[in-house]
Amino acid sequence: MPGRGRSSFNKRQKERSRQDNQREKLERKAQRKLEKQTSPSEDAEDSSPDFSAVAEQWALPGSIPDSSTDE
């Protein structure tokens, strides 16, 4: 029965790959959890960025009154 060997090898290889992916995923999850616990005060500043500068850059000309207009 020579056909059995190849399928068994493929199954083992697939299962090994699945376990490796699961282990990597758990490691990434644990890393994110540690980062979240160790630096909540540092991320608080970045979590609420000031969008006023972006709004001014994306605004159409004349839509935001500014002091630099020559009217």
C-alpha atoms as a PDB file:
ATOM      1  CA  MET A   1       0.000   0.000   0.000  1.00  0.00           C
ATOM      2  CA  PRO A   2       2.331   2.703  -1.171  1.00  0.00           C
ATOM      3  CA  GLY A   3      -0.387   5.382  -1.330  1.00  0.00           C
ATOM      4  CA  ARG A   4      -0.710   5.642   2.451  1.00  0.00           C
ATOM      5  CA  GLY A   5       2.687   7.150   3.148  1.00  0.00           C
ATOM      6  CA  ARG A   6       2.320  10.332   1.149  1.00  0.00           C
ATOM      7  CA  SER A   7      -1.113  11.285   2.499  1.00  0.00           C
ATOM      8  CA  SER A   8       0.021  10.658   6.062  1.00  0.00           C
ATOM      9  CA  PHE A   9       3.053  12.855   5.509  1.00  0.00           C
ATOM     10  CA  ASN A  10       0.868  15.617   4.054  1.00  0.00           C
ATOM     11  CA  LYS A  11      -1.483  15.380   7.014  1.00  0.00           C
ATOM     12  CA  ARG A  12       1.391  15.631   9.486  1.00  0.00           C
ATOM     13  CA  GLN A  13       2.871  18.566   7.576  1.00  0.00           C
ATOM     14  CA  LYS A  14      -0.480  20.363   7.474  1.00  0.00           C
ATOM     15  CA  GLU A  15      -1.099  19.791  11.188  1.00  0.00           C
ATOM     16  CA  ARG A  16       2.412  21.006  12.023  1.00  0.00           C
ATOM     17  CA  SER A  17       1.832  24.155   9.972  1.00  0.00           C
ATOM     18  CA  ARG A  18      -1.507  24.747  11.708  1.00  0.00           C
ATOM     19  CA  GLN A  19       0.100  24.400  15.133  1.00  0.00           C
ATOM     20  CA  ASP A  20       2.909  26.786  14.188  1.00  0.00           C
ATOM     21  CA  ASN A  21       0.424  29.383  12.967  1.00  0.00           C
ATOM     22  CA  GLN A  22      -1.632  29.025  16.141  1.00  0.00           C
ATOM     23  CA  ARG A  23       1.477  29.423  18.307  1.00  0.00           C
ATOM     24  CA  GLU A  24       2.548  32.555  16.390  1.00  0.00           C
ATOM     25  CA  LYS A  25      -0.938  34.025  16.731  1.00  0.00           C
ATOM     26  CA  LEU A  26      -0.954  33.439  20.493  1.00  0.00           C
ATOM     27  CA  GLU A  27       2.506  35.025  20.792  1.00  0.00           C
ATOM     28  CA  ARG A  28       1.325  38.131  18.904  1.00  0.00           C
ATOM     29  CA  LYS A  29      -1.767  38.328  21.098  1.00  0.00           C
ATOM     30  CA  ALA A  30       0.312  38.078  24.270  1.00  0.00           C
ATOM     31  CA  GLN A  31       2.715  40.731  22.958  1.00  0.00           C
ATOM     32  CA  ARG A  32      -0.160  43.146  22.232  1.00  0.00           C
ATOM     33  CA  LYS A  33      -1.577  42.504  25.700  1.00  0.00           C
ATOM     34  CA  LEU A  34       1.784  43.277  27.324  1.00  0.00           C
ATOM     35  CA  GLU A  35       2.214  46.446  25.280  1.00  0.00           C
ATOM     36  CA  LYS A  36      -1.273  47.572  26.223  1.00  0.00           C
ATOM     37  CA  GLN A  37      -0.617  46.988  29.938  1.00  0.00           C
ATOM     38  CA  THR A  38       2.834  48.571  30.082  1.00  0.00           C
ATOM     39  CA  SER A  39       2.148  51.865  28.333  1.00  0.00           C
ATOM     40  CA  PRO A  40      -1.468  53.042  28.572  1.00  0.00           C
ATOM     41  CA  SER A  41      -0.450  56.619  29.462  1.00  0.00           C
ATOM     42  CA  GLU A  42       1.840  56.967  26.439  1.00  0.00           C
ATOM     43  CA  ASP A  43      -0.829  55.725  24.049  1.00  0.00           C
ATOM     44  CA  ALA A  44      -3.485  58.011  25.534  1.00  0.00           C
ATOM     45  CA  GLU A  45      -1.880  61.010  23.856  1.00  0.00           C
ATOM     46  CA  ASP A  46      -1.750  59.274  20.486  1.00  0.00           C
ATOM     47  CA  SER A  47      -5.260  57.841  20.680  1.00  0.00           C
ATOM     48  CA  SER A  48      -6.942  61.243  20.376  1.00  0.00           C
ATOM     49  CA  PRO A  49      -5.023  63.106  17.681  1.00  0.00           C
ATOM     50  CA  ASP A  50      -5.747  66.709  16.768  1.00  0.00           C
ATOM     51  CA  PHE A  51      -7.574  66.649  13.444  1.00  0.00           C
ATOM     52  CA  SER A  52      -7.751  70.427  13.052  1.00  0.00           C
ATOM     53  CA  ALA A  53      -4.508  70.547  11.054  1.00  0.00           C
ATOM     54  CA  VAL A  54      -5.709  67.770   8.772  1.00  0.00           C
ATOM     55  CA  ALA A  55      -9.069  69.474   8.302  1.00  0.00           C
ATOM     56  CA  GLU A  56      -7.323  72.690   7.271  1.00  0.00           C
ATOM     57  CA  GLN A  57      -5.144  70.844   4.763  1.00  0.00           C
ATOM     58  CA  TRP A  58      -8.046  68.977   3.198  1.00  0.00           C
ATOM     59  CA  ALA A  59     -10.457  71.901   3.148  1.00  0.00           C
ATOM     60  CA  LEU A  60     -11.421  73.550  -0.104  1.00  0.00           C
ATOM     61  CA  PRO A  61     -10.022  77.026  -0.714  1.00  0.00           C
ATOM     62  CA  GLY A  62     -12.322  79.633   0.745  1.00  0.00           C
ATOM     63  CA  SER A  63     -14.245  77.203   2.959  1.00  0.00           C
ATOM     64  CA  ILE A  64     -12.272  78.049   6.104  1.00  0.00           C
ATOM     65  CA  PRO A  65     -11.891  81.732   6.924  1.00  0.00           C
ATOM     66  CA  ASP A  66      -8.281  82.520   7.668  1.00  0.00           C
ATOM     67  CA  SER A  67      -6.396  85.759   8.179  1.00  0.00           C
ATOM     68  CA  SER A  68      -4.119  85.279   5.162  1.00  0.00           C
ATOM     69  CA  THR A  69      -6.777  86.060   2.511  1.00  0.00           C
ATOM     70  CA  ASP A  70      -6.341  89.320   0.574  1.00  0.00           C
ATOM     71  CA  GLU A  71      -9.971  90.377   0.221  1.00  0.00           C
END
